C-alpha atoms as a PDB file:
ATOM      1  CA  MET A   1      -1.827  30.491  -8.948  1.00  0.00           C
ATOM      2  CA  LYS A   2      -3.438  33.532  -7.488  1.00  0.00           C
ATOM      3  CA  ASP A   3      -2.420  34.423  -3.999  1.00  0.00           C
ATOM      4  CA  PRO A   4      -5.455  34.242  -1.693  1.00  0.00           C
ATOM      5  CA  GLU A   5      -4.256  37.175   0.301  1.00  0.00           C
ATOM      6  CA  GLY A   6      -3.478  39.250  -2.799  1.00  0.00           C
ATOM      7  CA  LEU A   7       0.054  39.607  -1.699  1.00  0.00           C
ATOM      8  CA  ASP A   8       1.733  38.027  -4.764  1.00  0.00           C
ATOM      9  CA  GLY A   9       3.390  35.486  -2.524  1.00  0.00           C
ATOM     10  CA  ASP A  10       4.634  38.052   0.062  1.00  0.00           C
ATOM     11  CA  ARG A  11       2.602  37.038   3.075  1.00  0.00           C
ATOM     12  CA  GLY A  12       5.031  38.572   5.493  1.00  0.00           C
ATOM     13  CA  THR A  13       3.883  42.129   4.691  1.00  0.00           C
ATOM     14  CA  ALA A  14       0.168  41.532   5.215  1.00  0.00           C
ATOM     15  CA  HIS A  15      -0.011  43.721   8.320  1.00  0.00           C
ATOM     16  CA  LEU A  16       1.550  46.604   6.288  1.00  0.00           C
ATOM     17  CA  ARG A  17      -1.065  46.753   3.469  1.00  0.00           C
ATOM     18  CA  PRO A  18      -3.152  49.939   3.359  1.00  0.00           C
ATOM     19  CA  GLY A  19      -6.613  49.472   4.728  1.00  0.00           C
ATOM     20  CA  ARG A  20      -5.687  46.265   6.461  1.00  0.00           C
ATOM     21  CA  ARG A  21      -5.878  46.187  10.293  1.00  0.00           C
ATOM     22  CA  PRO A  22      -2.526  45.072  11.847  1.00  0.00           C
ATOM     23  CA  GLU A  23      -2.642  41.701  13.388  1.00  0.00           C
ATOM     24  CA  PRO A  24      -1.949  41.754  17.130  1.00  0.00           C
ATOM     25  CA  GLN A  25       1.383  40.350  18.056  1.00  0.00           C
ATOM     26  CA  PRO A  26       1.632  38.167  21.222  1.00  0.00           C
ATOM     27  CA  GLU A  27       3.564  39.781  23.994  1.00  0.00           C
ATOM     28  CA  ALA A  28       6.010  37.874  26.066  1.00  0.00           C
ATOM     29  CA  ALA A  29       4.835  37.322  29.611  1.00  0.00           C
ATOM     30  CA  PRO A  30       6.726  39.476  32.174  1.00  0.00           C
ATOM     31  CA  ARG A  31       9.386  37.412  33.918  1.00  0.00           C
ATOM     32  CA  ASP A  32      10.297  37.910  37.467  1.00  0.00           C
ATOM     33  CA  VAL A  33      14.029  37.192  37.607  1.00  0.00           C
ATOM     34  CA  ALA A  34      13.950  36.916  41.459  1.00  0.00           C
ATOM     35  CA  ALA A  35      11.358  34.216  41.307  1.00  0.00           C
ATOM     36  CA  GLU A  36      12.759  31.889  38.617  1.00  0.00           C
ATOM     37  CA  SER A  37      12.528  28.829  40.782  1.00  0.00           C
ATOM     38  CA  ILE A  38      12.252  27.528  44.359  1.00  0.00           C
ATOM     39  CA  PRO A  39      15.441  25.768  45.303  1.00  0.00           C
ATOM     40  CA  TRP A  40      13.666  23.239  47.555  1.00  0.00           C
ATOM     41  CA  GLU A  41      11.376  22.278  44.654  1.00  0.00           C
ATOM     42  CA  GLU A  42      14.268  21.936  42.157  1.00  0.00           C
ATOM     43  CA  SER A  43      16.411  19.758  44.321  1.00  0.00           C
ATOM     44  CA  ARG A  44      14.679  16.437  43.735  1.00  0.00           C
ATOM     45  CA  GLU A  45      17.592  14.421  45.100  1.00  0.00           C
ATOM     46  CA  GLY A  46      16.734  15.296  48.710  1.00  0.00           C
ATOM     47  CA  GLY A  47      17.314  18.964  49.107  1.00  0.00           C
ATOM     48  CA  GLY A  48      20.125  19.861  51.430  1.00  0.00           C
ATOM     49  CA  ALA A  49      21.080  22.628  53.705  1.00  0.00           C
ATOM     50  CA  THR A  50      21.811  25.089  50.896  1.00  0.00           C
ATOM     51  CA  ALA A  51      18.506  24.603  49.153  1.00  0.00           C
ATOM     52  CA  PHE A  52      16.658  24.778  52.533  1.00  0.00           C
ATOM     53  CA  ALA A  53      18.390  28.000  53.517  1.00  0.00           C
ATOM     54  CA  ALA A  54      17.874  29.514  50.090  1.00  0.00           C
ATOM     55  CA  THR A  55      14.087  28.688  50.169  1.00  0.00           C
ATOM     56  CA  LEU A  56      13.794  29.936  53.633  1.00  0.00           C
ATOM     57  CA  TRP A  57      15.302  33.238  52.745  1.00  0.00           C
ATOM     58  CA  ARG A  58      13.240  33.505  49.567  1.00  0.00           C
ATOM     59  CA  PHE A  59       9.975  33.256  51.447  1.00  0.00           C
ATOM     60  CA  ALA A  60      11.128  35.416  54.374  1.00  0.00           C
ATOM     61  CA  SER A  61      12.455  38.252  52.247  1.00  0.00           C
ATOM     62  CA  ALA A  62      10.253  38.279  49.103  1.00  0.00           C
ATOM     63  CA  PRO A  63       7.089  36.192  49.664  1.00  0.00           C
ATOM     64  CA  LYS A  64       5.286  37.519  46.569  1.00  0.00           C
ATOM     65  CA  ALA A  65       8.074  36.460  44.207  1.00  0.00           C
ATOM     66  CA  ALA A  66       8.547  33.215  45.981  1.00  0.00           C
ATOM     67  CA  TYR A  67       4.939  32.158  45.805  1.00  0.00           C
ATOM     68  CA  ALA A  68       4.818  33.277  42.169  1.00  0.00           C
ATOM     69  CA  ALA A  69       7.557  30.630  41.504  1.00  0.00           C
ATOM     70  CA  VAL A  70       5.812  27.780  43.433  1.00  0.00           C
ATOM     71  CA  PRO A  71       4.463  25.223  40.960  1.00  0.00           C
ATOM     72  CA  VAL A  72       0.789  24.476  41.185  1.00  0.00           C
ATOM     73  CA  ARG A  73       1.406  20.708  40.960  1.00  0.00           C
ATOM     74  CA  GLY A  74       4.270  18.417  41.773  1.00  0.00           C
ATOM     75  CA  GLY A  75       3.340  16.387  44.809  1.00  0.00           C
ATOM     76  CA  VAL A  76       3.070  17.208  48.470  1.00  0.00           C
ATOM     77  CA  TRP A  77       6.271  15.679  49.811  1.00  0.00           C
ATOM     78  CA  ARG A  78       8.592  18.612  48.936  1.00  0.00           C
ATOM     79  CA  PRO A  79       6.477  21.365  50.618  1.00  0.00           C
ATOM     80  CA  TRP A  80       5.532  19.106  53.525  1.00  0.00           C
ATOM     81  CA  SER A  81       9.115  18.143  54.278  1.00  0.00           C
ATOM     82  CA  PHE A  82      10.102  21.797  54.211  1.00  0.00           C
ATOM     83  CA  ALA A  83       7.396  22.589  56.787  1.00  0.00           C
ATOM     84  CA  LEU A  84       8.555  19.698  58.978  1.00  0.00           C
ATOM     85  CA  LEU A  85      12.166  20.818  58.836  1.00  0.00           C
ATOM     86  CA  CYS A  86      11.151  24.338  59.772  1.00  0.00           C
ATOM     87  CA  ALA A  87       9.027  23.238  62.665  1.00  0.00           C
ATOM     88  CA  VAL A  88      11.368  20.615  64.054  1.00  0.00           C
ATOM     89  CA  GLY A  89      14.634  22.441  63.358  1.00  0.00           C
ATOM     90  CA  PHE A  90      13.624  25.768  64.802  1.00  0.00           C
ATOM     91  CA  GLY A  91      11.757  23.978  67.557  1.00  0.00           C
ATOM     92  CA  VAL A  92      14.961  22.262  68.652  1.00  0.00           C
ATOM     93  CA  VAL A  93      16.882  25.561  68.475  1.00  0.00           C
ATOM     94  CA  ARG A  94      14.195  27.217  70.620  1.00  0.00           C
ATOM     95  CA  GLN A  95      14.381  24.361  73.163  1.00  0.00           C
ATOM     96  CA  LEU A  96      18.227  24.748  73.356  1.00  0.00           C
ATOM     97  CA  ILE A  97      17.758  28.426  74.048  1.00  0.00           C
ATOM     98  CA  ASP A  98      15.291  27.576  76.803  1.00  0.00           C
ATOM     99  CA  ILE A  99      17.776  25.157  78.275  1.00  0.00           C
ATOM    100  CA  ALA A 100      20.534  27.765  78.281  1.00  0.00           C
ATOM    101  CA  THR A 101      18.088  30.241  79.861  1.00  0.00           C
ATOM    102  CA  VAL A 102      17.052  27.826  82.579  1.00  0.00           C
ATOM    103  CA  ALA A 103      20.664  27.036  83.264  1.00  0.00           C
ATOM    104  CA  LEU A 104      21.426  30.703  83.666  1.00  0.00           C
ATOM    105  CA  LEU A 105      18.414  31.276  85.928  1.00  0.00           C
ATOM    106  CA  SER A 106      19.344  28.300  87.989  1.00  0.00           C
ATOM    107  CA  TYR A 107      22.917  29.527  88.471  1.00  0.00           C
ATOM    108  CA  GLY A 108      21.628  33.003  89.386  1.00  0.00           C
ATOM    109  CA  ALA A 109      19.123  31.692  91.879  1.00  0.00           C
ATOM    110  CA  ALA A 110      21.692  29.378  93.484  1.00  0.00           C
ATOM    111  CA  ASN A 111      24.220  32.196  93.905  1.00  0.00           C
ATOM    112  CA  ASP A 112      21.791  35.072  94.818  1.00  0.00           C
ATOM    113  CA  LEU A 113      22.529  36.753  91.475  1.00  0.00           C
ATOM    114  CA  LEU A 114      19.077  36.561  89.956  1.00  0.00           C
ATOM    115  CA  PRO A 115      17.891  40.034  91.204  1.00  0.00           C
ATOM    116  CA  HIS A 116      21.086  41.584  89.865  1.00  0.00           C
ATOM    117  CA  LEU A 117      21.110  39.810  86.495  1.00  0.00           C
ATOM    118  CA  PHE A 118      17.435  40.439  85.709  1.00  0.00           C
ATOM    119  CA  ARG A 119      15.905  43.726  86.713  1.00  0.00           C
ATOM    120  CA  PHE A 120      13.020  43.861  84.287  1.00  0.00           C
ATOM    121  CA  GLU A 121       9.502  42.673  84.663  1.00  0.00           C
ATOM    122  CA  VAL A 122       7.204  40.485  82.550  1.00  0.00           C
ATOM    123  CA  ALA A 123       3.467  40.947  82.834  1.00  0.00           C
ATOM    124  CA  GLY A 124       3.961  43.057  85.938  1.00  0.00           C
ATOM    125  CA  ARG A 125       6.016  40.368  87.811  1.00  0.00           C
ATOM    126  CA  SER A 126       9.776  40.288  88.398  1.00  0.00           C
ATOM    127  CA  LEU A 127      11.663  37.217  87.202  1.00  0.00           C
ATOM    128  CA  GLU A 128      12.508  36.539  90.890  1.00  0.00           C
ATOM    129  CA  TRP A 129       9.185  34.609  91.246  1.00  0.00           C
ATOM    130  CA  LEU A 130      10.186  32.111  88.462  1.00  0.00           C
ATOM    131  CA  PRO A 131      10.151  28.564  89.894  1.00  0.00           C
ATOM    132  CA  VAL A 132      13.620  27.636  88.685  1.00  0.00           C
ATOM    133  CA  SER A 133      13.602  24.348  90.653  1.00  0.00           C
ATOM    134  CA  VAL A 134      10.734  23.082  88.533  1.00  0.00           C
ATOM    135  CA  LEU A 135      12.049  24.396  85.153  1.00  0.00           C
ATOM    136  CA  SER A 136      15.346  22.458  85.469  1.00  0.00           C
ATOM    137  CA  VAL A 137      17.836  21.784  82.776  1.00  0.00           C
ATOM    138  CA  ALA A 138      17.121  18.007  83.192  1.00  0.00           C
ATOM    139  CA  GLY A 139      13.411  18.601  82.641  1.00  0.00           C
ATOM    140  CA  CYS A 140      14.183  20.581  79.357  1.00  0.00           C
ATOM    141  CA  LEU A 141      16.455  17.802  78.135  1.00  0.00           C
ATOM    142  CA  PHE A 142      13.832  15.247  78.895  1.00  0.00           C
ATOM    143  CA  ALA A 143      11.186  17.226  77.050  1.00  0.00           C
ATOM    144  CA  LEU A 144      13.507  17.643  74.114  1.00  0.00           C
ATOM    145  CA  GLY A 145      14.209  13.902  73.821  1.00  0.00           C
ATOM    146  CA  VAL A 146      10.761  12.466  74.667  1.00  0.00           C
ATOM    147  CA  GLY A 147       8.452  15.220  73.475  1.00  0.00           C
ATOM    148  CA  ALA A 148       9.967  15.590  70.011  1.00  0.00           C
ATOM    149  CA  PRO A 149       8.050  12.658  68.371  1.00  0.00           C
ATOM    150  CA  LEU A 150       4.807  13.899  70.037  1.00  0.00           C
ATOM    151  CA  TYR A 151       5.558  17.407  68.778  1.00  0.00           C
ATOM    152  CA  VAL A 152       5.980  16.157  65.178  1.00  0.00           C
ATOM    153  CA  LEU A 153       2.733  14.182  65.359  1.00  0.00           C
ATOM    154  CA  LEU A 154       0.844  17.144  66.866  1.00  0.00           C
ATOM    155  CA  PHE A 155       2.320  19.482  64.264  1.00  0.00           C
ATOM    156  CA  CYS A 156       1.211  17.229  61.399  1.00  0.00           C
ATOM    157  CA  LEU A 157      -2.302  16.947  62.786  1.00  0.00           C
ATOM    158  CA  VAL A 158      -2.597  20.709  63.287  1.00  0.00           C
ATOM    159  CA  MET A 159      -1.313  21.361  59.769  1.00  0.00           C
ATOM    160  CA  ILE A 160      -3.841  19.056  58.202  1.00  0.00           C
ATOM    161  CA  VAL A 161      -6.743  20.558  60.174  1.00  0.00           C
ATOM    162  CA  TRP A 162      -5.684  24.078  59.410  1.00  0.00           C
ATOM    163  CA  ILE A 163      -5.142  23.422  55.664  1.00  0.00           C
ATOM    164  CA  THR A 164      -8.543  21.801  55.391  1.00  0.00           C
ATOM    165  CA  ILE A 165     -10.369  24.627  57.185  1.00  0.00           C
ATOM    166  CA  VAL A 166      -8.615  27.297  55.138  1.00  0.00           C
ATOM    167  CA  HIS A 167      -9.375  25.502  51.874  1.00  0.00           C
ATOM    168  CA  ALA A 168     -12.995  24.973  52.849  1.00  0.00           C
ATOM    169  CA  LEU A 169     -13.543  28.624  53.793  1.00  0.00           C
ATOM    170  CA  LEU A 170     -11.841  29.731  50.616  1.00  0.00           C
ATOM    171  CA  LYS A 171     -14.207  27.484  48.641  1.00  0.00           C
ATOM    172  CA  ILE A 172     -17.276  28.859  50.533  1.00  0.00           C
ATOM    173  CA  SER A 173     -16.189  32.460  49.759  1.00  0.00           C
ATOM    174  CA  GLY A 174     -15.819  31.647  46.104  1.00  0.00           C
ATOM    175  CA  GLY A 175     -12.043  31.996  46.033  1.00  0.00           C
ATOM    176  CA  LEU A 176     -11.568  28.686  44.168  1.00  0.00           C
ATOM    177  CA  ALA A 177     -13.913  29.510  41.258  1.00  0.00           C
ATOM    178  CA  SER A 178     -11.038  29.918  38.791  1.00  0.00           C
ATOM    179  CA  SER A 179      -8.360  27.955  40.646  1.00  0.00           C
ATOM    180  CA  GLU A 180      -6.614  25.017  39.086  1.00  0.00           C
ATOM    181  CA  ALA A 181      -4.406  24.372  42.186  1.00  0.00           C
ATOM    182  CA  GLY A 182      -7.045  22.649  44.290  1.00  0.00           C
ATOM    183  CA  TYR A 183      -6.317  21.307  47.756  1.00  0.00           C
ATOM    184  CA  GLU A 184      -2.668  20.818  46.902  1.00  0.00           C
ATOM    185  CA  GLY A 185      -2.262  24.430  46.171  1.00  0.00           C
ATOM    186  CA  THR A 186      -3.573  25.304  49.670  1.00  0.00           C
ATOM    187  CA  LEU A 187      -1.239  22.793  51.153  1.00  0.00           C
ATOM    188  CA  ARG A 188       1.729  24.287  49.337  1.00  0.00           C
ATOM    189  CA  VAL A 189       0.817  27.778  50.492  1.00  0.00           C
ATOM    190  CA  VAL A 190       0.559  26.774  54.193  1.00  0.00           C
ATOM    191  CA  CYS A 191       3.645  24.544  54.159  1.00  0.00           C
ATOM    192  CA  TYR A 192       5.908  27.212  52.705  1.00  0.00           C
ATOM    193  CA  SER A 193       4.500  29.797  55.088  1.00  0.00           C
ATOM    194  CA  GLN A 194       6.210  27.803  57.903  1.00  0.00           C
ATOM    195  CA  ALA A 195       9.402  29.607  56.925  1.00  0.00           C
ATOM    196  CA  THR A 196       8.258  32.110  59.564  1.00  0.00           C
ATOM    197  CA  MET A 197       9.113  29.523  62.241  1.00  0.00           C
ATOM    198  CA  VAL A 198      12.541  31.120  62.222  1.00  0.00           C
ATOM    199  CA  ALA A 199      10.989  33.855  64.377  1.00  0.00           C
ATOM    200  CA  ALA A 200      10.012  31.345  66.987  1.00  0.00           C
ATOM    201  CA  ILE A 201      13.569  31.261  68.396  1.00  0.00           C
ATOM    202  CA  VAL A 202      13.049  34.859  69.692  1.00  0.00           C
ATOM    203  CA  PRO A 203      12.450  34.639  73.437  1.00  0.00           C
ATOM    204  CA  TRP A 204       9.102  35.608  74.966  1.00  0.00           C
ATOM    205  CA  VAL A 205       7.355  36.731  71.790  1.00  0.00           C
ATOM    206  CA  GLY A 206       8.807  34.465  69.107  1.00  0.00           C
ATOM    207  CA  ASP A 207       5.734  32.220  68.794  1.00  0.00           C
ATOM    208  CA  GLU A 208       3.338  35.116  68.371  1.00  0.00           C
ATOM    209  CA  ILE A 209       5.494  36.763  65.780  1.00  0.00           C
ATOM    210  CA  ALA A 210       5.762  33.463  63.820  1.00  0.00           C
ATOM    211  CA  ILE A 211       2.000  32.852  63.850  1.00  0.00           C
ATOM    212  CA  VAL A 212       1.015  36.342  62.666  1.00  0.00           C
ATOM    213  CA  TRP A 213       3.769  36.356  60.051  1.00  0.00           C
ATOM    214  CA  SER A 214       2.664  32.951  58.746  1.00  0.00           C
ATOM    215  CA  CYS A 215      -0.898  34.205  58.317  1.00  0.00           C
ATOM    216  CA  PHE A 216       0.381  37.186  56.358  1.00  0.00           C
ATOM    217  CA  LEU A 217       2.345  34.858  54.070  1.00  0.00           C
ATOM    218  CA  GLN A 218      -0.698  32.618  53.548  1.00  0.00           C
ATOM    219  CA  VAL A 219      -2.806  35.478  52.359  1.00  0.00           C
ATOM    220  CA  ILE A 220      -0.157  36.330  49.745  1.00  0.00           C
ATOM    221  CA  GLY A 221       0.212  32.641  48.728  1.00  0.00           C
ATOM    222  CA  LEU A 222      -3.532  32.028  48.311  1.00  0.00           C
ATOM    223  CA  VAL A 223      -3.853  35.001  46.057  1.00  0.00           C
ATOM    224  CA  ARG A 224      -0.907  33.893  44.019  1.00  0.00           C
ATOM    225  CA  LEU A 225      -1.722  30.181  43.552  1.00  0.00           C
ATOM    226  CA  HIS A 226      -5.538  30.312  43.477  1.00  0.00           C
ATOM    227  CA  GLY A 227      -5.894  33.595  41.715  1.00  0.00           C
ATOM    228  CA  CYS A 228      -8.515  34.763  44.290  1.00  0.00           C
ATOM    229  CA  THR A 229      -8.953  38.229  45.602  1.00  0.00           C
ATOM    230  CA  ARG A 230      -7.062  39.407  48.644  1.00  0.00           C
ATOM    231  CA  ARG A 231     -10.376  39.926  50.476  1.00  0.00           C
ATOM    232  CA  ARG A 232     -11.324  36.274  50.022  1.00  0.00           C
ATOM    233  CA  ALA A 233      -7.945  35.022  51.089  1.00  0.00           C
ATOM    234  CA  LEU A 234      -8.004  37.299  54.139  1.00  0.00           C
ATOM    235  CA  PHE A 235     -11.442  35.976  54.972  1.00  0.00           C
ATOM    236  CA  ALA A 236     -10.277  32.348  54.856  1.00  0.00           C
ATOM    237  CA  VAL A 237      -7.085  32.878  56.891  1.00  0.00           C
ATOM    238  CA  GLY A 238      -8.575  35.395  59.317  1.00  0.00           C
ATOM    239  CA  LEU A 239     -11.676  33.301  60.156  1.00  0.00           C
ATOM    240  CA  SER A 240      -9.424  30.265  60.608  1.00  0.00           C
ATOM    241  CA  PHE A 241      -7.118  32.177  62.931  1.00  0.00           C
ATOM    242  CA  ALA A 242     -10.121  33.514  64.940  1.00  0.00           C
ATOM    243  CA  GLY A 243     -11.521  30.045  65.300  1.00  0.00           C
ATOM    244  CA  ALA A 244      -8.216  28.551  66.436  1.00  0.00           C
ATOM    245  CA  LEU A 245      -7.840  31.408  68.996  1.00  0.00           C
ATOM    246  CA  LEU A 246     -11.310  30.879  70.398  1.00  0.00           C
ATOM    247  CA  ALA A 247     -10.633  27.067  70.616  1.00  0.00           C
ATOM    248  CA  LEU A 248      -7.380  27.683  72.430  1.00  0.00           C
ATOM    249  CA  LEU A 249      -9.098  30.058  74.905  1.00  0.00           C
ATOM    250  CA  LEU A 250     -11.839  27.493  75.500  1.00  0.00           C
ATOM    251  CA  VAL A 251      -9.272  24.770  76.234  1.00  0.00           C
ATOM    252  CA  ILE A 252      -7.529  27.050  78.685  1.00  0.00           C
ATOM    253  CA  ARG A 253     -10.751  28.024  80.389  1.00  0.00           C
ATOM    254  CA  LEU A 254     -11.802  24.385  80.728  1.00  0.00           C
ATOM    255  CA  ALA A 255      -8.372  23.318  82.017  1.00  0.00           C
ATOM    256  CA  SER A 256      -8.060  26.105  84.557  1.00  0.00           C
ATOM    257  CA  PRO A 257      -9.370  25.379  88.073  1.00  0.00           C
ATOM    258  CA  ASP A 258     -12.527  27.146  89.178  1.00  0.00           C
END
């Protein structure tokens, strides 16, 4: 039987025949060793402190590689639980730091040591004006015990609103044209960006650092999971941030006495 390729049965040398164009060989996709998996996604049995710490470090130290390893699908519980642990865990740590600070200030005020312990100013005012009697340790403990459930509820509500707005703006800008991740992909991006809550434990400026850092991570994550341009991701996150800032200023303006 005549060989259809004219190779006399040797089909393996077809690409070496004179006058025959070599067939393209598929190249292996580049593999990022640092981003093989997300520990929190792999630990289906409930995670654990080790998986949480490893995931936190992955997103804080190498967000591009971390988001490259985030699966597009897989449910919302794992990323959502990670975000909750970040918010509640570091929120509690921040509250404990506030309690220790108030205790120190109370002791200093009661023993006339406050001017000697703190000699710097914040916003042009010395810490001597701080109403330590109002910010008592008992008040902080009460806020920690009673306010925790309300904090979790408020956090979940804010997260849902933020994810929805970012996703809608990304869709309007055309950033979801070639995306297969959908709303779940945006949720995963925002949830894992809460790793920046670790910065919230820094006194005075921790919250601001955490928010700006989280927005930076979200831009990286949207580009990775949705395949959109950085400009479209920056548009969605930046406009959402500007809207939230304006809403906060409006609430403060309405709440302040005339």
